[in-house]
Every structure is written in C-alpha cells, then in structure tokens.
Amino acid sequence: MEHLLLALGLVLIVEGLAYALAPSLIEELLKALRDLSHAMRRNIGLLCLGTGVALVWFAKLLGA
C-alpha cells in the first residue's frame, strides 16, 4: 500500500510542477492533442502505459 501512495504522490508532484511552471505550455499541448485523431491519442496512451510498466519493472529489478 505504501508503494501505491508513493507512486501517486510522485505523479501528483510531476503533474503539479507542469501546471505551476508552464500553464500556457499546458494549454498549447491540450490544443495540439485535440487536433490528433482518437487512434493517435490511444496509441500515445498505450505507449505511455507501456513505458510506465517498463520503468516500474526496471526499478523493481534494481531493488526498489
């Protein structure tokens, strides 16, 4: 359970930093995402999901 809370906290820190440091860049990113097709957004999401799983797996291999 503590790993889940740690992971959630880290995600919120990274997300919060993006919104706090570059709010106008976030708006531009959202506009660019709206222009992408649903299939392309789904592929980007799957790529991010796979990358996240690989990073967690690698961290576990290193002893985290």
PDB file of N, CA and C in Angstrom:
ATOM      1  N   MET A   1       0.822  -1.196   0.000  1.00  0.00           N
ATOM      2  CA  MET A   1       0.000   0.000   0.000  1.00  0.00           C
ATOM      3  C   MET A   1       0.865   1.259   0.000  1.00  0.00           C
ATOM      4  N   GLU A   2       1.995   1.195   0.731  1.00  0.00           N
ATOM      5  CA  GLU A   2       2.854   2.384   0.789  1.00  0.00           C
ATOM      6  C   GLU A   2       3.477   2.693  -0.573  1.00  0.00           C
ATOM      7  N   HIS A   3       3.713   1.655  -1.392  1.00  0.00           N
ATOM      8  CA  HIS A   3       4.251   1.883  -2.739  1.00  0.00           C
ATOM      9  C   HIS A   3       3.225   2.588  -3.620  1.00  0.00           C
ATOM     10  N   LEU A   4       1.974   2.228  -3.461  1.00  0.00           N
ATOM     11  CA  LEU A   4       0.916   2.878  -4.225  1.00  0.00           C
ATOM     12  C   LEU A   4       0.814   4.356  -3.857  1.00  0.00           C
ATOM     13  N   LEU A   5       0.872   4.652  -2.569  1.00  0.00           N
ATOM     14  CA  LEU A   5       0.810   6.047  -2.133  1.00  0.00           C
ATOM     15  C   LEU A   5       2.032   6.826  -2.609  1.00  0.00           C
ATOM     16  N   LEU A   6       3.193   6.209  -2.568  1.00  0.00           N
ATOM     17  CA  LEU A   6       4.407   6.849  -3.059  1.00  0.00           C
ATOM     18  C   LEU A   6       4.297   7.149  -4.550  1.00  0.00           C
ATOM     19  N   ALA A   7       3.840   6.186  -5.321  1.00  0.00           N
ATOM     20  CA  ALA A   7       3.690   6.374  -6.765  1.00  0.00           C
ATOM     21  C   ALA A   7       2.689   7.482  -7.071  1.00  0.00           C
ATOM     22  N   LEU A   8       1.567   7.486  -6.383  1.00  0.00           N
ATOM     23  CA  LEU A   8       0.553   8.519  -6.593  1.00  0.00           C
ATOM     24  C   LEU A   8       1.104   9.896  -6.234  1.00  0.00           C
ATOM     25  N   GLY A   9       1.822   9.968  -5.135  1.00  0.00           N
ATOM     26  CA  GLY A   9       2.429  11.235  -4.738  1.00  0.00           C
ATOM     27  C   GLY A   9       3.421  11.747  -5.765  1.00  0.00           C
ATOM     28  N   LEU A  10       4.243  10.867  -6.311  1.00  0.00           N
ATOM     29  CA  LEU A  10       5.207  11.277  -7.321  1.00  0.00           C
ATOM     30  C   LEU A  10       4.521  11.759  -8.605  1.00  0.00           C
ATOM     31  N   VAL A  11       3.467  11.088  -8.994  1.00  0.00           N
ATOM     32  CA  VAL A  11       2.716  11.527 -10.179  1.00  0.00           C
ATOM     33  C   VAL A  11       2.130  12.914  -9.939  1.00  0.00           C
ATOM     34  N   LEU A  12       1.558  13.134  -8.770  1.00  0.00           N
ATOM     35  CA  LEU A  12       0.973  14.440  -8.470  1.00  0.00           C
ATOM     36  C   LEU A  12       2.031  15.539  -8.422  1.00  0.00           C
ATOM     37  N   ILE A  13       3.220  15.229  -7.928  1.00  0.00           N
ATOM     38  CA  ILE A  13       4.304  16.215  -7.908  1.00  0.00           C
ATOM     39  C   ILE A  13       4.680  16.606  -9.332  1.00  0.00           C
ATOM     40  N   VAL A  14       4.877  15.629 -10.204  1.00  0.00           N
ATOM     41  CA  VAL A  14       5.272  15.921 -11.581  1.00  0.00           C
ATOM     42  C   VAL A  14       4.170  16.691 -12.307  1.00  0.00           C
ATOM     43  N   GLU A  15       2.935  16.255 -12.146  1.00  0.00           N
ATOM     44  CA  GLU A  15       1.817  16.951 -12.792  1.00  0.00           C
ATOM     45  C   GLU A  15       1.670  18.373 -12.256  1.00  0.00           C
ATOM     46  N   GLY A  16       1.796  18.513 -10.957  1.00  0.00           N
ATOM     47  CA  GLY A  16       1.675  19.841 -10.352  1.00  0.00           C
ATOM     48  C   GLY A  16       2.766  20.788 -10.814  1.00  0.00           C
ATOM     49  N   LEU A  17       3.985  20.273 -10.947  1.00  0.00           N
ATOM     50  CA  LEU A  17       5.079  21.109 -11.439  1.00  0.00           C
ATOM     51  C   LEU A  17       4.802  21.617 -12.849  1.00  0.00           C
ATOM     52  N   ALA A  18       4.289  20.748 -13.692  1.00  0.00           N
ATOM     53  CA  ALA A  18       3.993  21.154 -15.075  1.00  0.00           C
ATOM     54  C   ALA A  18       2.973  22.286 -15.095  1.00  0.00           C
ATOM     55  N   TYR A  19       1.925  22.174 -14.318  1.00  0.00           N
ATOM     56  CA  TYR A  19       0.896  23.214 -14.289  1.00  0.00           C
ATOM     57  C   TYR A  19       1.386  24.476 -13.592  1.00  0.00           C
ATOM     58  N   ALA A  20       2.226  24.344 -12.588  1.00  0.00           N
ATOM     59  CA  ALA A  20       2.715  25.507 -11.852  1.00  0.00           C
ATOM     60  C   ALA A  20       3.767  26.281 -12.637  1.00  0.00           C
ATOM     61  N   LEU A  21       4.645  25.575 -13.345  1.00  0.00           N
ATOM     62  CA  LEU A  21       5.754  26.236 -14.020  1.00  0.00           C
ATOM     63  C   LEU A  21       5.446  26.668 -15.450  1.00  0.00           C
ATOM     64  N   ALA A  22       4.530  25.987 -16.123  1.00  0.00           N
ATOM     65  CA  ALA A  22       4.270  26.308 -17.530  1.00  0.00           C
ATOM     66  C   ALA A  22       2.794  26.151 -17.881  1.00  0.00           C
ATOM     67  N   PRO A  23       1.918  26.948 -17.270  1.00  0.00           N
ATOM     68  CA  PRO A  23       0.484  26.779 -17.566  1.00  0.00           C
ATOM     69  C   PRO A  23       0.131  27.083 -19.029  1.00  0.00           C
ATOM     70  N   SER A  24       0.814  28.038 -19.650  1.00  0.00           N
ATOM     71  CA  SER A  24       0.495  28.341 -21.052  1.00  0.00           C
ATOM     72  C   SER A  24       0.948  27.200 -21.964  1.00  0.00           C
ATOM     73  N   LEU A  25       2.041  26.544 -21.613  1.00  0.00           N
ATOM     74  CA  LEU A  25       2.504  25.405 -22.399  1.00  0.00           C
ATOM     75  C   LEU A  25       1.506  24.246 -22.314  1.00  0.00           C
ATOM     76  N   ILE A  26       0.890  24.073 -21.162  1.00  0.00           N
ATOM     77  CA  ILE A  26      -0.133  23.036 -20.999  1.00  0.00           C
ATOM     78  C   ILE A  26      -1.319  23.325 -21.915  1.00  0.00           C
ATOM     79  N   GLU A  27      -1.721  24.596 -22.006  1.00  0.00           N
ATOM     80  CA  GLU A  27      -2.832  24.957 -22.898  1.00  0.00           C
ATOM     81  C   GLU A  27      -2.492  24.633 -24.346  1.00  0.00           C
ATOM     82  N   GLU A  28      -1.272  24.944 -24.772  1.00  0.00           N
ATOM     83  CA  GLU A  28      -0.852  24.644 -26.142  1.00  0.00           C
ATOM     84  C   GLU A  28      -0.813  23.136 -26.385  1.00  0.00           C
ATOM     85  N   LEU A  29      -0.361  22.392 -25.393  1.00  0.00           N
ATOM     86  CA  LEU A  29      -0.320  20.936 -25.512  1.00  0.00           C
ATOM     87  C   LEU A  29      -1.731  20.373 -25.661  1.00  0.00           C
ATOM     88  N   LEU A  30      -2.678  20.886 -24.877  1.00  0.00           N
ATOM     89  CA  LEU A  30      -4.059  20.415 -24.977  1.00  0.00           C
ATOM     90  C   LEU A  30      -4.657  20.735 -26.343  1.00  0.00           C
ATOM     91  N   LYS A  31      -4.339  21.905 -26.884  1.00  0.00           N
ATOM     92  CA  LYS A  31      -4.815  22.257 -28.222  1.00  0.00           C
ATOM     93  C   LYS A  31      -4.236  21.291 -29.257  1.00  0.00           C
ATOM     94  N   ALA A  32      -2.954  20.972 -29.126  1.00  0.00           N
ATOM     95  CA  ALA A  32      -2.322  20.044 -30.069  1.00  0.00           C
ATOM     96  C   ALA A  32      -2.933  18.652 -29.948  1.00  0.00           C
ATOM     97  N   LEU A  33      -3.248  18.226 -28.737  1.00  0.00           N
ATOM     98  CA  LEU A  33      -3.862  16.915 -28.539  1.00  0.00           C
ATOM     99  C   LEU A  33      -5.256  16.853 -29.162  1.00  0.00           C
ATOM    100  N   ARG A  34      -5.989  17.969 -29.097  1.00  0.00           N
ATOM    101  CA  ARG A  34      -7.322  17.991 -29.701  1.00  0.00           C
ATOM    102  C   ARG A  34      -7.265  17.770 -31.208  1.00  0.00           C
ATOM    103  N   ASP A  35      -6.175  18.186 -31.818  1.00  0.00           N
ATOM    104  CA  ASP A  35      -6.038  18.046 -33.272  1.00  0.00           C
ATOM    105  C   ASP A  35      -5.683  16.625 -33.704  1.00  0.00           C
ATOM    106  N   LEU A  36      -5.236  15.790 -32.773  1.00  0.00           N
ATOM    107  CA  LEU A  36      -4.889  14.412 -33.099  1.00  0.00           C
ATOM    108  C   LEU A  36      -6.134  13.547 -33.183  1.00  0.00           C
ATOM    109  N   SER A  37      -6.058  12.513 -33.971  1.00  0.00           N
ATOM    110  CA  SER A  37      -7.186  11.584 -34.073  1.00  0.00           C
ATOM    111  C   SER A  37      -7.288  10.751 -32.800  1.00  0.00           C
ATOM    112  N   HIS A  38      -8.448  10.139 -32.630  1.00  0.00           N
ATOM    113  CA  HIS A  38      -8.655   9.275 -31.459  1.00  0.00           C
ATOM    114  C   HIS A  38      -7.663   8.115 -31.458  1.00  0.00           C
ATOM    115  N   ALA A  39      -7.413   7.563 -32.625  1.00  0.00           N
ATOM    116  CA  ALA A  39      -6.484   6.437 -32.726  1.00  0.00           C
ATOM    117  C   ALA A  39      -5.070   6.861 -32.319  1.00  0.00           C
ATOM    118  N   MET A  40      -4.647   8.036 -32.744  1.00  0.00           N
ATOM    119  CA  MET A  40      -3.312   8.518 -32.399  1.00  0.00           C
ATOM    120  C   MET A  40      -3.206   8.775 -30.890  1.00  0.00           C
ATOM    121  N   ARG A  41      -4.251   9.368 -30.299  1.00  0.00           N
ATOM    122  CA  ARG A  41      -4.248   9.588 -28.839  1.00  0.00           C
ATOM    123  C   ARG A  41      -4.211   8.262 -28.094  1.00  0.00           C
ATOM    124  N   ARG A  42      -4.934   7.270 -28.602  1.00  0.00           N
ATOM    125  CA  ARG A  42      -4.930   5.947 -27.970  1.00  0.00           C
ATOM    126  C   ARG A  42      -3.539   5.324 -28.052  1.00  0.00           C
ATOM    127  N   ASN A  43      -2.884   5.466 -29.200  1.00  0.00           N
ATOM    128  CA  ASN A  43      -1.530   4.933 -29.360  1.00  0.00           C
ATOM    129  C   ASN A  43      -0.540   5.625 -28.433  1.00  0.00           C
ATOM    130  N   ILE A  44      -0.669   6.926 -28.280  1.00  0.00           N
ATOM    131  CA  ILE A  44       0.196   7.663 -27.353  1.00  0.00           C
ATOM    132  C   ILE A  44      -0.039   7.178 -25.928  1.00  0.00           C
ATOM    133  N   GLY A  45      -1.301   6.977 -25.571  1.00  0.00           N
ATOM    134  CA  GLY A  45      -1.623   6.475 -24.239  1.00  0.00           C
ATOM    135  C   GLY A  45      -1.055   5.088 -23.986  1.00  0.00           C
ATOM    136  N   LEU A  46      -1.161   4.220 -24.985  1.00  0.00           N
ATOM    137  CA  LEU A  46      -0.602   2.871 -24.841  1.00  0.00           C
ATOM    138  C   LEU A  46       0.914   2.896 -24.738  1.00  0.00           C
ATOM    139  N   LEU A  47       1.546   3.791 -25.491  1.00  0.00           N
ATOM    140  CA  LEU A  47       2.998   3.937 -25.406  1.00  0.00           C
ATOM    141  C   LEU A  47       3.408   4.407 -24.007  1.00  0.00           C
ATOM    142  N   CYS A  48       2.694   5.381 -23.469  1.00  0.00           N
ATOM    143  CA  CYS A  48       2.981   5.863 -22.110  1.00  0.00           C
ATOM    144  C   CYS A  48       2.748   4.766 -21.078  1.00  0.00           C
ATOM    145  N   LEU A  49       1.689   4.015 -21.245  1.00  0.00           N
ATOM    146  CA  LEU A  49       1.390   2.913 -20.338  1.00  0.00           C
ATOM    147  C   LEU A  49       2.509   1.878 -20.361  1.00  0.00           C
ATOM    148  N   GLY A  50       2.918   1.485 -21.553  1.00  0.00           N
ATOM    149  CA  GLY A  50       3.995   0.506 -21.684  1.00  0.00           C
ATOM    150  C   GLY A  50       5.309   1.012 -21.104  1.00  0.00           C
ATOM    151  N   THR A  51       5.613   2.277 -21.346  1.00  0.00           N
ATOM    152  CA  THR A  51       6.829   2.861 -20.797  1.00  0.00           C
ATOM    153  C   THR A  51       6.786   2.875 -19.273  1.00  0.00           C
ATOM    154  N   GLY A  52       5.644   3.232 -18.720  1.00  0.00           N
ATOM    155  CA  GLY A  52       5.498   3.239 -17.270  1.00  0.00           C
ATOM    156  C   GLY A  52       5.670   1.862 -16.663  1.00  0.00           C
ATOM    157  N   VAL A  53       5.070   0.868 -17.284  1.00  0.00           N
ATOM    158  CA  VAL A  53       5.202  -0.506 -16.784  1.00  0.00           C
ATOM    159  C   VAL A  53       6.660  -0.949 -16.862  1.00  0.00           C
ATOM    160  N   ALA A  54       7.333  -0.616 -17.956  1.00  0.00           N
ATOM    161  CA  ALA A  54       8.743  -0.987 -18.104  1.00  0.00           C
ATOM    162  C   ALA A  54       9.612  -0.309 -17.046  1.00  0.00           C
ATOM    163  N   LEU A  55       9.336   0.953 -16.755  1.00  0.00           N
ATOM    164  CA  LEU A  55      10.106   1.674 -15.733  1.00  0.00           C
ATOM    165  C   LEU A  55       9.891   1.084 -14.346  1.00  0.00           C
ATOM    166  N   VAL A  56       8.654   0.740 -14.038  1.00  0.00           N
ATOM    167  CA  VAL A  56       8.369   0.125 -12.731  1.00  0.00           C
ATOM    168  C   VAL A  56       9.045  -1.237 -12.639  1.00  0.00           C
ATOM    169  N   TRP A  57       8.989  -2.013 -13.702  1.00  0.00           N
ATOM    170  CA  TRP A  57       9.624  -3.328 -13.723  1.00  0.00           C
ATOM    171  C   TRP A  57      11.130  -3.199 -13.543  1.00  0.00           C
ATOM    172  N   PHE A  58      11.727  -2.221 -14.239  1.00  0.00           N
ATOM    173  CA  PHE A  58      13.165  -1.998 -14.132  1.00  0.00           C
ATOM    174  C   PHE A  58      13.542  -1.543 -12.719  1.00  0.00           C
ATOM    175  N   ALA A  59      12.740  -0.674 -12.115  1.00  0.00           N
ATOM    176  CA  ALA A  59      13.002  -0.220 -10.753  1.00  0.00           C
ATOM    177  C   ALA A  59      12.934  -1.385  -9.777  1.00  0.00           C
ATOM    178  N   LYS A  60      11.985  -2.284  -9.989  1.00  0.00           N
ATOM    179  CA  LYS A  60      11.887  -3.468  -9.127  1.00  0.00           C
ATOM    180  C   LYS A  60      13.108  -4.373  -9.288  1.00  0.00           C
ATOM    181  N   LEU A  61      13.611  -4.486 -10.518  1.00  0.00           N
ATOM    182  CA  LEU A  61      14.820  -5.283 -10.738  1.00  0.00           C
ATOM    183  C   LEU A  61      16.038  -4.692  -9.991  1.00  0.00           C
ATOM    184  N   LEU A  62      16.044  -3.361  -9.885  1.00  0.00           N
ATOM    185  CA  LEU A  62      17.145  -2.698  -9.211  1.00  0.00           C
ATOM    186  C   LEU A  62      17.005  -2.731  -7.690  1.00  0.00           C
ATOM    187  N   GLY A  63      15.869  -3.218  -7.214  1.00  0.00           N
ATOM    188  CA  GLY A  63      15.684  -3.373  -5.774  1.00  0.00           C
ATOM    189  C   GLY A  63      14.795  -2.341  -5.115  1.00  0.00           C
ATOM    190  N   ALA A  64      14.061  -1.581  -5.889  1.00  0.00           N
ATOM    191  CA  ALA A  64      13.173  -0.577  -5.303  1.00  0.00           C
ATOM    192  C   ALA A  64      11.958  -1.227  -4.651  1.00  0.00           C
TER     193      ALA A  64
END
